[in-house]
């Protein structure tokens, strides 16, 4: 697989809490964060090594080959969450890559982060 995007950002809770949120994004109906667009679908867990990593299947119907890997090393402030977006050939065009990166970043570094009070 080919890496087309990656970003790390601190999340306030410890890795086991972030892992749980990524494993069951609908666990708390009062704090929804996985708000999918019309061309997206709920991810499936294709690999998990609690609490240090998790891999989702694609959320994009146009790119079912894509996967999103999350690495969850702990730090003194919580979790230094890194997402990495991987695809098979053919590599998407620049516009689609930009859209995919932006969506993962919005979901993880905005929506999920806000549920933790940040």
PDB file of N, CA and C in Angstrom:
ATOM      1  N   UNK A   1       0.845  -1.180   0.000  1.00  0.00           N
ATOM      2  CA  UNK A   1       0.000   0.000   0.000  1.00  0.00           C
ATOM      3  C   UNK A   1       0.890   1.243   0.000  1.00  0.00           C
ATOM      4  N   UNK A   2       0.327   2.315  -0.513  1.00  0.00           N
ATOM      5  CA  UNK A   2       1.054   3.571  -0.665  1.00  0.00           C
ATOM      6  C   UNK A   2       0.476   4.603   0.292  1.00  0.00           C
ATOM      7  N   UNK A   3       1.356   5.244   1.064  1.00  0.00           N
ATOM      8  CA  UNK A   3       0.928   6.290   1.987  1.00  0.00           C
ATOM      9  C   UNK A   3       0.656   7.569   1.212  1.00  0.00           C
ATOM     10  N   UNK A   4      -0.562   8.116   1.386  1.00  0.00           N
ATOM     11  CA  UNK A   4      -0.894   9.377   0.717  1.00  0.00           C
ATOM     12  C   UNK A   4      -1.176  10.501   1.707  1.00  0.00           C
ATOM     13  N   UNK A   5      -1.076  10.200   2.989  1.00  0.00           N
ATOM     14  CA  UNK A   5      -1.268  11.239   3.984  1.00  0.00           C
ATOM     15  C   UNK A   5      -1.038  10.714   5.377  1.00  0.00           C
ATOM     16  N   UNK A   6      -0.596  11.602   6.262  1.00  0.00           N
ATOM     17  CA  UNK A   6      -0.375  11.246   7.660  1.00  0.00           C
ATOM     18  C   UNK A   6      -0.286  12.530   8.472  1.00  0.00           C
ATOM     19  N   UNK A   7      -0.770  12.450   9.699  1.00  0.00           N
ATOM     20  CA  UNK A   7      -0.682  13.615  10.575  1.00  0.00           C
ATOM     21  C   UNK A   7      -0.757  13.150  12.016  1.00  0.00           C
ATOM     22  N   UNK A   8       0.022  13.769  12.864  1.00  0.00           N
ATOM     23  CA  UNK A   8       0.000  13.458  14.298  1.00  0.00           C
ATOM     24  C   UNK A   8      -0.460  14.688  15.067  1.00  0.00           C
ATOM     25  N   UNK A   9      -1.251  14.424  16.076  1.00  0.00           N
ATOM     26  CA  UNK A   9      -1.705  15.499  16.954  1.00  0.00           C
ATOM     27  C   UNK A   9      -2.068  14.899  18.302  1.00  0.00           C
ATOM     28  N   UNK A  10      -1.808  15.624  19.329  1.00  0.00           N
ATOM     29  CA  UNK A  10      -2.089  15.158  20.677  1.00  0.00           C
ATOM     30  C   UNK A  10      -3.600  15.144  20.939  1.00  0.00           C
ATOM     31  N   UNK A  11      -4.044  14.098  21.608  1.00  0.00           N
ATOM     32  CA  UNK A  11      -5.416  13.992  22.087  1.00  0.00           C
ATOM     33  C   UNK A  11      -5.339  13.912  23.608  1.00  0.00           C
ATOM     34  N   UNK A  12      -6.239  14.553  24.338  1.00  0.00           N
ATOM     35  CA  UNK A  12      -6.105  14.628  25.790  1.00  0.00           C
ATOM     36  C   UNK A  12      -6.205  13.300  26.554  1.00  0.00           C
ATOM     37  N   UNK A  13      -7.081  12.351  26.178  1.00  0.00           N
ATOM     38  CA  UNK A  13      -7.182  11.143  26.991  1.00  0.00           C
ATOM     39  C   UNK A  13      -6.037  10.157  26.727  1.00  0.00           C
ATOM     40  N   UNK A  14      -5.879   9.187  27.616  1.00  0.00           N
ATOM     41  CA  UNK A  14      -4.857   8.165  27.415  1.00  0.00           C
ATOM     42  C   UNK A  14      -5.206   7.247  26.241  1.00  0.00           C
ATOM     43  N   UNK A  15      -4.216   6.493  25.738  1.00  0.00           N
ATOM     44  CA  UNK A  15      -4.435   5.653  24.556  1.00  0.00           C
ATOM     45  C   UNK A  15      -5.626   4.697  24.644  1.00  0.00           C
ATOM     46  N   UNK A  16      -5.875   4.094  25.797  1.00  0.00           N
ATOM     47  CA  UNK A  16      -6.976   3.128  25.857  1.00  0.00           C
ATOM     48  C   UNK A  16      -8.340   3.799  25.624  1.00  0.00           C
ATOM     49  N   UNK A  17      -8.491   5.039  26.016  1.00  0.00           N
ATOM     50  CA  UNK A  17      -9.752   5.761  25.787  1.00  0.00           C
ATOM     51  C   UNK A  17      -9.876   6.140  24.307  1.00  0.00           C
ATOM     52  N   UNK A  18      -8.800   6.613  23.703  1.00  0.00           N
ATOM     53  CA  UNK A  18      -8.825   6.952  22.273  1.00  0.00           C
ATOM     54  C   UNK A  18      -9.076   5.692  21.451  1.00  0.00           C
ATOM     55  N   UNK A  19      -8.436   4.591  21.821  1.00  0.00           N
ATOM     56  CA  UNK A  19      -8.643   3.324  21.114  1.00  0.00           C
ATOM     57  C   UNK A  19     -10.108   2.917  21.172  1.00  0.00           C
ATOM     58  N   UNK A  20     -10.709   3.024  22.345  1.00  0.00           N
ATOM     59  CA  UNK A  20     -12.123   2.685  22.504  1.00  0.00           C
ATOM     60  C   UNK A  20     -13.008   3.573  21.629  1.00  0.00           C
ATOM     61  N   UNK A  21     -12.713   4.869  21.586  1.00  0.00           N
ATOM     62  CA  UNK A  21     -13.505   5.793  20.763  1.00  0.00           C
ATOM     63  C   UNK A  21     -13.396   5.443  19.279  1.00  0.00           C
ATOM     64  N   UNK A  22     -12.211   5.042  18.827  1.00  0.00           N
ATOM     65  CA  UNK A  22     -12.034   4.668  17.417  1.00  0.00           C
ATOM     66  C   UNK A  22     -12.648   3.309  17.102  1.00  0.00           C
ATOM     67  N   UNK A  23     -12.686   2.431  18.090  1.00  0.00           N
ATOM     68  CA  UNK A  23     -13.257   1.102  17.894  1.00  0.00           C
ATOM     69  C   UNK A  23     -14.779   1.151  17.863  1.00  0.00           C
ATOM     70  N   UNK A  24     -15.358   1.977  18.698  1.00  0.00           N
ATOM     71  CA  UNK A  24     -16.819   2.108  18.776  1.00  0.00           C
ATOM     72  C   UNK A  24     -17.202   3.585  18.719  1.00  0.00           C
ATOM     73  N   UNK A  25     -17.159   4.171  17.519  1.00  0.00           N
ATOM     74  CA  UNK A  25     -17.398   5.617  17.400  1.00  0.00           C
ATOM     75  C   UNK A  25     -18.806   6.057  17.799  1.00  0.00           C
ATOM     76  N   UNK A  26     -19.740   5.134  17.868  1.00  0.00           N
ATOM     77  CA  UNK A  26     -21.113   5.492  18.249  1.00  0.00           C
ATOM     78  C   UNK A  26     -21.418   5.125  19.698  1.00  0.00           C
ATOM     79  N   UNK A  27     -20.386   4.919  20.508  1.00  0.00           N
ATOM     80  CA  UNK A  27     -20.557   4.453  21.887  1.00  0.00           C
ATOM     81  C   UNK A  27     -21.293   5.442  22.775  1.00  0.00           C
ATOM     82  N   UNK A  28     -21.172   6.720  22.493  1.00  0.00           N
ATOM     83  CA  UNK A  28     -21.822   7.736  23.314  1.00  0.00           C
ATOM     84  C   UNK A  28     -22.709   8.609  22.429  1.00  0.00           C
ATOM     85  N   UNK A  29     -24.009   8.286  22.346  1.00  0.00           N
ATOM     86  CA  UNK A  29     -24.905   9.046  21.464  1.00  0.00           C
ATOM     87  C   UNK A  29     -25.009  10.531  21.816  1.00  0.00           C
ATOM     88  N   UNK A  30     -24.650  10.900  23.025  1.00  0.00           N
ATOM     89  CA  UNK A  30     -24.707  12.316  23.393  1.00  0.00           C
ATOM     90  C   UNK A  30     -23.495  13.087  22.866  1.00  0.00           C
ATOM     91  N   UNK A  31     -22.463  12.341  22.389  1.00  0.00           N
ATOM     92  CA  UNK A  31     -21.276  12.993  21.836  1.00  0.00           C
ATOM     93  C   UNK A  31     -20.882  12.346  20.515  1.00  0.00           C
ATOM     94  N   UNK A  32     -21.738  12.462  19.485  1.00  0.00           N
ATOM     95  CA  UNK A  32     -21.394  11.857  18.188  1.00  0.00           C
ATOM     96  C   UNK A  32     -20.239  12.613  17.532  1.00  0.00           C
ATOM     97  N   UNK A  33     -19.374  11.875  16.863  1.00  0.00           N
ATOM     98  CA  UNK A  33     -18.260  12.544  16.184  1.00  0.00           C
ATOM     99  C   UNK A  33     -18.019  12.006  14.781  1.00  0.00           C
ATOM    100  N   UNK A  34     -18.460  10.798  14.490  1.00  0.00           N
ATOM    101  CA  UNK A  34     -18.235  10.220  13.167  1.00  0.00           C
ATOM    102  C   UNK A  34     -19.414  10.578  12.264  1.00  0.00           C
ATOM    103  N   UNK A  35     -19.443  11.823  11.829  1.00  0.00           N
ATOM    104  CA  UNK A  35     -20.514  12.354  10.987  1.00  0.00           C
ATOM    105  C   UNK A  35     -20.090  12.190   9.528  1.00  0.00           C
ATOM    106  N   UNK A  36     -20.620  11.154   8.882  1.00  0.00           N
ATOM    107  CA  UNK A  36     -20.194  10.801   7.532  1.00  0.00           C
ATOM    108  C   UNK A  36     -20.969  11.557   6.458  1.00  0.00           C
ATOM    109  N   UNK A  37     -20.296  11.814   5.354  1.00  0.00           N
ATOM    110  CA  UNK A  37     -20.913  12.466   4.196  1.00  0.00           C
ATOM    111  C   UNK A  37     -21.649  11.433   3.346  1.00  0.00           C
ATOM    112  N   UNK A  38     -22.388  11.903   2.345  1.00  0.00           N
ATOM    113  CA  UNK A  38     -23.189  11.011   1.503  1.00  0.00           C
ATOM    114  C   UNK A  38     -22.368   9.958   0.767  1.00  0.00           C
ATOM    115  N   UNK A  39     -21.126  10.280   0.417  1.00  0.00           N
ATOM    116  CA  UNK A  39     -20.288   9.328  -0.316  1.00  0.00           C
ATOM    117  C   UNK A  39     -19.375   8.516   0.608  1.00  0.00           C
ATOM    118  N   UNK A  40     -19.702   8.481   1.910  1.00  0.00           N
ATOM    119  CA  UNK A  40     -18.899   7.763   2.885  1.00  0.00           C
ATOM    120  C   UNK A  40     -19.728   6.697   3.586  1.00  0.00           C
ATOM    121  N   UNK A  41     -19.021   5.735   4.156  1.00  0.00           N
ATOM    122  CA  UNK A  41     -19.656   4.637   4.880  1.00  0.00           C
ATOM    123  C   UNK A  41     -18.915   4.408   6.187  1.00  0.00           C
ATOM    124  N   UNK A  42     -19.592   3.794   7.137  1.00  0.00           N
ATOM    125  CA  UNK A  42     -18.953   3.519   8.425  1.00  0.00           C
ATOM    126  C   UNK A  42     -17.794   2.548   8.220  1.00  0.00           C
ATOM    127  N   UNK A  43     -16.678   2.800   8.890  1.00  0.00           N
ATOM    128  CA  UNK A  43     -15.529   1.912   8.736  1.00  0.00           C
ATOM    129  C   UNK A  43     -15.720   0.615   9.519  1.00  0.00           C
ATOM    130  N   UNK A  44     -14.987  -0.396   9.082  1.00  0.00           N
ATOM    131  CA  UNK A  44     -14.903  -1.644   9.821  1.00  0.00           C
ATOM    132  C   UNK A  44     -13.497  -1.717  10.412  1.00  0.00           C
ATOM    133  N   UNK A  45     -13.369  -2.405  11.520  1.00  0.00           N
ATOM    134  CA  UNK A  45     -12.061  -2.607  12.132  1.00  0.00           C
ATOM    135  C   UNK A  45     -11.407  -3.779  11.417  1.00  0.00           C
ATOM    136  N   UNK A  46     -10.252  -3.522  10.787  1.00  0.00           N
ATOM    137  CA  UNK A  46      -9.570  -4.617  10.095  1.00  0.00           C
ATOM    138  C   UNK A  46      -8.324  -5.079  10.839  1.00  0.00           C
ATOM    139  N   UNK A  47      -7.859  -4.307  11.798  1.00  0.00           N
ATOM    140  CA  UNK A  47      -6.751  -4.716  12.659  1.00  0.00           C
ATOM    141  C   UNK A  47      -6.819  -3.889  13.936  1.00  0.00           C
ATOM    142  N   UNK A  48      -6.431  -4.521  15.036  1.00  0.00           N
ATOM    143  CA  UNK A  48      -6.448  -3.806  16.305  1.00  0.00           C
ATOM    144  C   UNK A  48      -5.430  -4.433  17.245  1.00  0.00           C
ATOM    145  N   UNK A  49      -4.657  -3.578  17.891  1.00  0.00           N
ATOM    146  CA  UNK A  49      -3.699  -3.995  18.901  1.00  0.00           C
ATOM    147  C   UNK A  49      -3.867  -3.040  20.081  1.00  0.00           C
ATOM    148  N   UNK A  50      -4.893  -3.298  20.907  1.00  0.00           N
ATOM    149  CA  UNK A  50      -5.192  -2.365  21.993  1.00  0.00           C
ATOM    150  C   UNK A  50      -4.027  -2.218  22.963  1.00  0.00           C
ATOM    151  N   UNK A  51      -3.760  -1.054  23.457  1.00  0.00           N
ATOM    152  CA  UNK A  51      -4.348   0.221  23.071  1.00  0.00           C
ATOM    153  C   UNK A  51      -3.470   1.013  22.105  1.00  0.00           C
ATOM    154  N   UNK A  52      -2.522   0.342  21.421  1.00  0.00           N
ATOM    155  CA  UNK A  52      -1.512   1.093  20.677  1.00  0.00           C
ATOM    156  C   UNK A  52      -1.824   1.362  19.215  1.00  0.00           C
ATOM    157  N   UNK A  53      -2.724   0.581  18.602  1.00  0.00           N
ATOM    158  CA  UNK A  53      -3.021   0.829  17.187  1.00  0.00           C
ATOM    159  C   UNK A  53      -4.368   0.240  16.798  1.00  0.00           C
ATOM    160  N   UNK A  54      -4.877   0.763  15.711  1.00  0.00           N
ATOM    161  CA  UNK A  54      -6.133   0.275  15.132  1.00  0.00           C
ATOM    162  C   UNK A  54      -6.119   0.648  13.654  1.00  0.00           C
ATOM    163  N   UNK A  55      -6.697  -0.192  12.826  1.00  0.00           N
ATOM    164  CA  UNK A  55      -6.787   0.102  11.393  1.00  0.00           C
ATOM    165  C   UNK A  55      -8.239  -0.029  10.955  1.00  0.00           C
ATOM    166  N   UNK A  56      -8.703   1.004  10.282  1.00  0.00           N
ATOM    167  CA  UNK A  56     -10.057   1.033   9.726  1.00  0.00           C
ATOM    168  C   UNK A  56     -10.036   0.668   8.258  1.00  0.00           C
ATOM    169  N   UNK A  57     -11.135   0.066   7.818  1.00  0.00           N
ATOM    170  CA  UNK A  57     -11.367  -0.062   6.382  1.00  0.00           C
ATOM    171  C   UNK A  57     -11.723   1.321   5.842  1.00  0.00           C
ATOM    172  N   UNK A  58     -11.862   1.391   4.549  1.00  0.00           N
ATOM    173  CA  UNK A  58     -12.163   2.666   3.891  1.00  0.00           C
ATOM    174  C   UNK A  58     -13.512   3.225   4.325  1.00  0.00           C
ATOM    175  N   UNK A  59     -13.566   4.539   4.422  1.00  0.00           N
ATOM    176  CA  UNK A  59     -14.849   5.206   4.633  1.00  0.00           C
ATOM    177  C   UNK A  59     -15.415   5.727   3.311  1.00  0.00           C
ATOM    178  N   UNK A  60     -14.638   5.606   2.221  1.00  0.00           N
ATOM    179  CA  UNK A  60     -15.040   6.166   0.941  1.00  0.00           C
ATOM    180  C   UNK A  60     -15.540   5.082   0.000  1.00  0.00           C
ATOM    181  N   UNK A  61     -16.754   5.272  -0.500  1.00  0.00           N
ATOM    182  CA  UNK A  61     -17.310   4.296  -1.439  1.00  0.00           C
ATOM    183  C   UNK A  61     -16.552   4.299  -2.761  1.00  0.00           C
ATOM    184  N   UNK A  62     -15.955   5.440  -3.136  1.00  0.00           N
ATOM    185  CA  UNK A  62     -15.186   5.526  -4.385  1.00  0.00           C
ATOM    186  C   UNK A  62     -13.794   4.899  -4.271  1.00  0.00           C
ATOM    187  N   UNK A  63     -13.297   4.716  -3.069  1.00  0.00           N
ATOM    188  CA  UNK A  63     -11.970   4.125  -2.840  1.00  0.00           C
ATOM    189  C   UNK A  63     -12.061   3.065  -1.745  1.00  0.00           C
ATOM    190  N   UNK A  64     -12.726   1.931  -2.044  1.00  0.00           N
ATOM    191  CA  UNK A  64     -12.880   0.889  -1.024  1.00  0.00           C
ATOM    192  C   UNK A  64     -11.557   0.239  -0.619  1.00  0.00           C
ATOM    193  N   UNK A  65     -10.505   0.469  -1.395  1.00  0.00           N
ATOM    194  CA  UNK A  65      -9.184  -0.089  -1.083  1.00  0.00           C
ATOM    195  C   UNK A  65      -8.457   0.693   0.007  1.00  0.00           C
ATOM    196  N   UNK A  66      -8.856   1.910   0.257  1.00  0.00           N
ATOM    197  CA  UNK A  66      -8.152   2.765   1.218  1.00  0.00           C
ATOM    198  C   UNK A  66      -8.302   2.214   2.635  1.00  0.00           C
ATOM    199  N   UNK A  67      -7.273   2.415   3.436  1.00  0.00           N
ATOM    200  CA  UNK A  67      -7.336   2.095   4.860  1.00  0.00           C
ATOM    201  C   UNK A  67      -6.760   3.270   5.643  1.00  0.00           C
ATOM    202  N   UNK A  68      -7.208   3.383   6.881  1.00  0.00           N
ATOM    203  CA  UNK A  68      -6.702   4.423   7.775  1.00  0.00           C
ATOM    204  C   UNK A  68      -6.130   3.724   8.997  1.00  0.00           C
ATOM    205  N   UNK A  69      -4.837   3.894   9.197  1.00  0.00           N
ATOM    206  CA  UNK A  69      -4.166   3.301  10.356  1.00  0.00           C
ATOM    207  C   UNK A  69      -3.959   4.381  11.410  1.00  0.00           C
ATOM    208  N   UNK A  70      -4.264   4.025  12.642  1.00  0.00           N
ATOM    209  CA  UNK A  70      -4.087   4.928  13.769  1.00  0.00           C
ATOM    210  C   UNK A  70      -3.036   4.343  14.704  1.00  0.00           C
ATOM    211  N   UNK A  71      -2.011   5.120  14.990  1.00  0.00           N
ATOM    212  CA  UNK A  71      -1.010   4.750  15.979  1.00  0.00           C
ATOM    213  C   UNK A  71      -1.243   5.626  17.198  1.00  0.00           C
ATOM    214  N   UNK A  72      -1.244   5.009  18.373  1.00  0.00           N
ATOM    215  CA  UNK A  72      -1.692   5.687  19.587  1.00  0.00           C
ATOM    216  C   UNK A  72      -0.667   5.637  20.717  1.00  0.00           C
ATOM    217  N   UNK A  73       0.531   6.149  20.498  1.00  0.00           N
ATOM    218  CA  UNK A  73       1.489   6.149  21.606  1.00  0.00           C
ATOM    219  C   UNK A  73       1.070   7.145  22.684  1.00  0.00           C
ATOM    220  N   UNK A  74       1.246   6.730  23.925  1.00  0.00           N
ATOM    221  CA  UNK A  74       0.935   7.628  25.035  1.00  0.00           C
ATOM    222  C   UNK A  74       2.045   8.638  25.236  1.00  0.00           C
ATOM    223  N   UNK A  75       1.678   9.768  25.778  1.00  0.00           N
ATOM    224  CA  UNK A  75       2.654  10.755  26.212  1.00  0.00           C
ATOM    225  C   UNK A  75       2.144  11.376  27.513  1.00  0.00           C
ATOM    226  N   UNK A  76       2.889  12.263  28.101  1.00  0.00           N
ATOM    227  CA  UNK A  76       2.480  12.799  29.406  1.00  0.00           C
ATOM    228  C   UNK A  76       1.210  13.643  29.339  1.00  0.00           C
ATOM    229  N   UNK A  77       0.804  14.032  28.127  1.00  0.00           N
ATOM    230  CA  UNK A  77      -0.409  14.835  27.963  1.00  0.00           C
ATOM    231  C   UNK A  77      -1.594  14.028  27.463  1.00  0.00           C
ATOM    232  N   UNK A  78      -1.455  12.718  27.290  1.00  0.00           N
ATOM    233  CA  UNK A  78      -2.556  11.899  26.787  1.00  0.00           C
ATOM    234  C   UNK A  78      -2.070  10.934  25.729  1.00  0.00           C
ATOM    235  N   UNK A  79      -2.502  11.165  24.495  1.00  0.00           N
ATOM    236  CA  UNK A  79      -2.161  10.288  23.378  1.00  0.00           C
ATOM    237  C   UNK A  79      -1.670  11.129  22.216  1.00  0.00           C
ATOM    238  N   UNK A  80      -0.563  10.727  21.640  1.00  0.00           N
ATOM    239  CA  UNK A  80      -0.057  11.396  20.443  1.00  0.00           C
ATOM    240  C   UNK A  80      -0.580  10.615  19.232  1.00  0.00           C
ATOM    241  N   UNK A  81      -1.836  10.845  18.883  1.00  0.00           N
ATOM    242  CA  UNK A  81      -2.509  10.093  17.825  1.00  0.00           C
ATOM    243  C   UNK A  81      -1.964  10.464  16.444  1.00  0.00           C
ATOM    244  N   UNK A  82      -1.543   9.453  15.691  1.00  0.00           N
ATOM    245  CA  UNK A  82      -1.129   9.650  14.301  1.00  0.00           C
ATOM    246  C   UNK A  82      -2.050   8.823  13.417  1.00  0.00           C
ATOM    247  N   UNK A  83      -2.665   9.490  12.421  1.00  0.00           N
ATOM    248  CA  UNK A  83      -3.411   8.747  11.409  1.00  0.00           C
ATOM    249  C   UNK A  83      -2.568   8.704  10.142  1.00  0.00           C
ATOM    250  N   UNK A  84      -2.672   7.571   9.445  1.00  0.00           N
ATOM    251  CA  UNK A  84      -1.961   7.388   8.184  1.00  0.00           C
ATOM    252  C   UNK A  84      -2.957   6.817   7.182  1.00  0.00           C
ATOM    253  N   UNK A  85      -3.064   7.465   6.045  1.00  0.00           N
ATOM    254  CA  UNK A  85      -3.980   7.083   4.981  1.00  0.00           C
ATOM    255  C   UNK A  85      -3.210   6.326   3.907  1.00  0.00           C
ATOM    256  N   UNK A  86      -3.658   5.113   3.602  1.00  0.00           N
ATOM    257  CA  UNK A  86      -2.979   4.239   2.649  1.00  0.00           C
ATOM    258  C   UNK A  86      -3.942   3.793   1.559  1.00  0.00           C
ATOM    259  N   UNK A  87      -3.439   3.701   0.322  1.00  0.00           N
ATOM    260  CA  UNK A  87      -4.247   3.228  -0.812  1.00  0.00           C
ATOM    261  C   UNK A  87      -3.405   2.291  -1.677  1.00  0.00           C
ATOM    262  N   UNK A  88      -4.096   1.514  -2.501  1.00  0.00           N
ATOM    263  CA  UNK A  88      -3.445   0.716  -3.539  1.00  0.00           C
ATOM    264  C   UNK A  88      -3.362   1.540  -4.812  1.00  0.00           C
ATOM    265  N   UNK A  89      -2.565   1.079  -5.766  1.00  0.00           N
ATOM    266  CA  UNK A  89      -2.573   1.689  -7.099  1.00  0.00           C
ATOM    267  C   UNK A  89      -3.928   1.453  -7.736  1.00  0.00           C
ATOM    268  N   UNK A  90      -4.429   2.351  -8.529  1.00  0.00           N
ATOM    269  CA  UNK A  90      -3.827   3.621  -8.911  1.00  0.00           C
ATOM    270  C   UNK A  90      -3.994   4.666  -7.805  1.00  0.00           C
ATOM    271  N   UNK A  91      -2.993   5.505  -7.691  1.00  0.00           N
ATOM    272  CA  UNK A  91      -3.032   6.593  -6.721  1.00  0.00           C
ATOM    273  C   UNK A  91      -4.099   7.586  -7.173  1.00  0.00           C
ATOM    274  N   UNK A  92      -4.939   8.050  -6.246  1.00  0.00           N
ATOM    275  CA  UNK A  92      -5.966   9.041  -6.620  1.00  0.00           C
ATOM    276  C   UNK A  92      -5.334  10.328  -7.138  1.00  0.00           C
ATOM    277  N   UNK A  93      -6.128  11.105  -7.871  1.00  0.00           N
ATOM    278  CA  UNK A  93      -5.628  12.398  -8.321  1.00  0.00           C
ATOM    279  C   UNK A  93      -5.494  13.337  -7.121  1.00  0.00           C
ATOM    280  N   UNK A  94      -4.801  14.441  -7.330  1.00  0.00           N
ATOM    281  CA  UNK A  94      -4.499  15.362  -6.236  1.00  0.00           C
ATOM    282  C   UNK A  94      -5.757  15.888  -5.541  1.00  0.00           C
ATOM    283  N   UNK A  95      -6.812  16.121  -6.303  1.00  0.00           N
ATOM    284  CA  UNK A  95      -8.045  16.649  -5.707  1.00  0.00           C
ATOM    285  C   UNK A  95      -8.656  15.638  -4.740  1.00  0.00           C
ATOM    286  N   UNK A  96      -8.697  14.371  -5.134  1.00  0.00           N
ATOM    287  CA  UNK A  96      -9.264  13.341  -4.261  1.00  0.00           C
ATOM    288  C   UNK A  96      -8.365  13.097  -3.056  1.00  0.00           C
ATOM    289  N   UNK A  97      -7.058  13.105  -3.253  1.00  0.00           N
ATOM    290  CA  UNK A  97      -6.141  12.956  -2.121  1.00  0.00           C
ATOM    291  C   UNK A  97      -6.382  14.086  -1.119  1.00  0.00           C
ATOM    292  N   UNK A  98      -6.495  15.296  -1.603  1.00  0.00           N
ATOM    293  CA  UNK A  98      -6.753  16.437  -0.724  1.00  0.00           C
ATOM    294  C   UNK A  98      -8.049  16.286   0.039  1.00  0.00           C
ATOM    295  N   UNK A  99      -9.088  15.840  -0.649  1.00  0.00           N
ATOM    296  CA  UNK A  99     -10.392  15.624  -0.005  1.00  0.00           C
ATOM    297  C   UNK A  99     -10.288  14.550   1.076  1.00  0.00           C
ATOM    298  N   UNK A 100      -9.638  13.441   0.758  1.00  0.00           N
ATOM    299  CA  UNK A 100      -9.522  12.337   1.713  1.00  0.00           C
ATOM    300  C   UNK A 100      -8.727  12.762   2.949  1.00  0.00           C
ATOM    301  N   UNK A 101      -7.621  13.441   2.748  1.00  0.00           N
ATOM    302  CA  UNK A 101      -6.818  13.919   3.879  1.00  0.00           C
ATOM    303  C   UNK A 101      -7.613  14.882   4.760  1.00  0.00           C
ATOM    304  N   UNK A 102      -8.307  15.799   4.099  1.00  0.00           N
ATOM    305  CA  UNK A 102      -9.083  16.788   4.843  1.00  0.00           C
ATOM    306  C   UNK A 102     -10.163  16.115   5.683  1.00  0.00           C
ATOM    307  N   UNK A 103     -10.831  15.117   5.115  1.00  0.00           N
ATOM    308  CA  UNK A 103     -11.901  14.436   5.849  1.00  0.00           C
ATOM    309  C   UNK A 103     -11.373  13.690   7.065  1.00  0.00           C
ATOM    310  N   UNK A 104     -10.267  12.970   6.892  1.00  0.00           N
ATOM    311  CA  UNK A 104      -9.706  12.258   8.045  1.00  0.00           C
ATOM    312  C   UNK A 104      -9.303  13.269   9.112  1.00  0.00           C
ATOM    313  N   UNK A 105      -8.658  14.335   8.697  1.00  0.00           N
ATOM    314  CA  UNK A 105      -8.245  15.355   9.651  1.00  0.00           C
ATOM    315  C   UNK A 105      -9.446  15.979  10.355  1.00  0.00           C
ATOM    316  N   UNK A 106     -10.522  16.265   9.625  1.00  0.00           N
ATOM    317  CA  UNK A 106     -11.725  16.827  10.246  1.00  0.00           C
ATOM    318  C   UNK A 106     -12.326  15.860  11.257  1.00  0.00           C
ATOM    319  N   UNK A 107     -12.438  14.598  10.856  1.00  0.00           N
ATOM    320  CA  UNK A 107     -13.057  13.617  11.742  1.00  0.00           C
ATOM    321  C   UNK A 107     -12.235  13.379  13.000  1.00  0.00           C
ATOM    322  N   UNK A 108     -10.918  13.247  12.843  1.00  0.00           N
ATOM    323  CA  UNK A 108     -10.067  12.873  13.965  1.00  0.00           C
ATOM    324  C   UNK A 108      -9.570  14.072  14.764  1.00  0.00           C
ATOM    325  N   UNK A 109      -9.027  15.065  14.091  1.00  0.00           N
ATOM    326  CA  UNK A 109      -8.406  16.182  14.796  1.00  0.00           C
ATOM    327  C   UNK A 109      -9.353  17.339  15.058  1.00  0.00           C
ATOM    328  N   UNK A 110     -10.595  17.184  14.677  1.00  0.00           N
ATOM    329  CA  UNK A 110     -11.616  18.177  15.031  1.00  0.00           C
ATOM    330  C   UNK A 110     -12.748  17.469  15.767  1.00  0.00           C
ATOM    331  N   UNK A 111     -13.557  16.695  15.060  1.00  0.00           N
ATOM    332  CA  UNK A 111     -14.754  16.090  15.669  1.00  0.00           C
ATOM    333  C   UNK A 111     -14.440  15.204  16.871  1.00  0.00           C
ATOM    334  N   UNK A 112     -13.531  14.238  16.712  1.00  0.00           N
ATOM    335  CA  UNK A 112     -13.189  13.356  17.832  1.00  0.00           C
ATOM    336  C   UNK A 112     -12.562  14.163  18.963  1.00  0.00           C
ATOM    337  N   UNK A 113     -11.641  15.027  18.619  1.00  0.00           N
ATOM    338  CA  UNK A 113     -10.948  15.843  19.629  1.00  0.00           C
ATOM    339  C   UNK A 113     -11.941  16.667  20.445  1.00  0.00           C
ATOM    340  N   UNK A 114     -12.949  17.229  19.793  1.00  0.00           N
ATOM    341  CA  UNK A 114     -13.943  18.055  20.490  1.00  0.00           C
ATOM    342  C   UNK A 114     -14.755  17.238  21.491  1.00  0.00           C
ATOM    343  N   UNK A 115     -14.964  15.937  21.208  1.00  0.00           N
ATOM    344  CA  UNK A 115     -15.713  15.115  22.174  1.00  0.00           C
ATOM    345  C   UNK A 115     -14.937  14.927  23.470  1.00  0.00           C
ATOM    346  N   UNK A 116     -13.616  15.130  23.409  1.00  0.00           N
ATOM    347  CA  UNK A 116     -12.787  15.028  24.599  1.00  0.00           C
ATOM    348  C   UNK A 116     -12.609  16.381  25.280  1.00  0.00           C
ATOM    349  N   UNK A 117     -13.359  17.380  24.852  1.00  0.00           N
ATOM    350  CA  UNK A 117     -13.321  18.678  25.488  1.00  0.00           C
ATOM    351  C   UNK A 117     -12.225  19.602  25.014  1.00  0.00           C
ATOM    352  N   UNK A 118     -11.659  19.327  23.838  1.00  0.00           N
ATOM    353  CA  UNK A 118     -10.585  20.171  23.302  1.00  0.00           C
ATOM    354  C   UNK A 118     -11.078  20.979  22.126  1.00  0.00           C
TER     355      UNK A 118
END
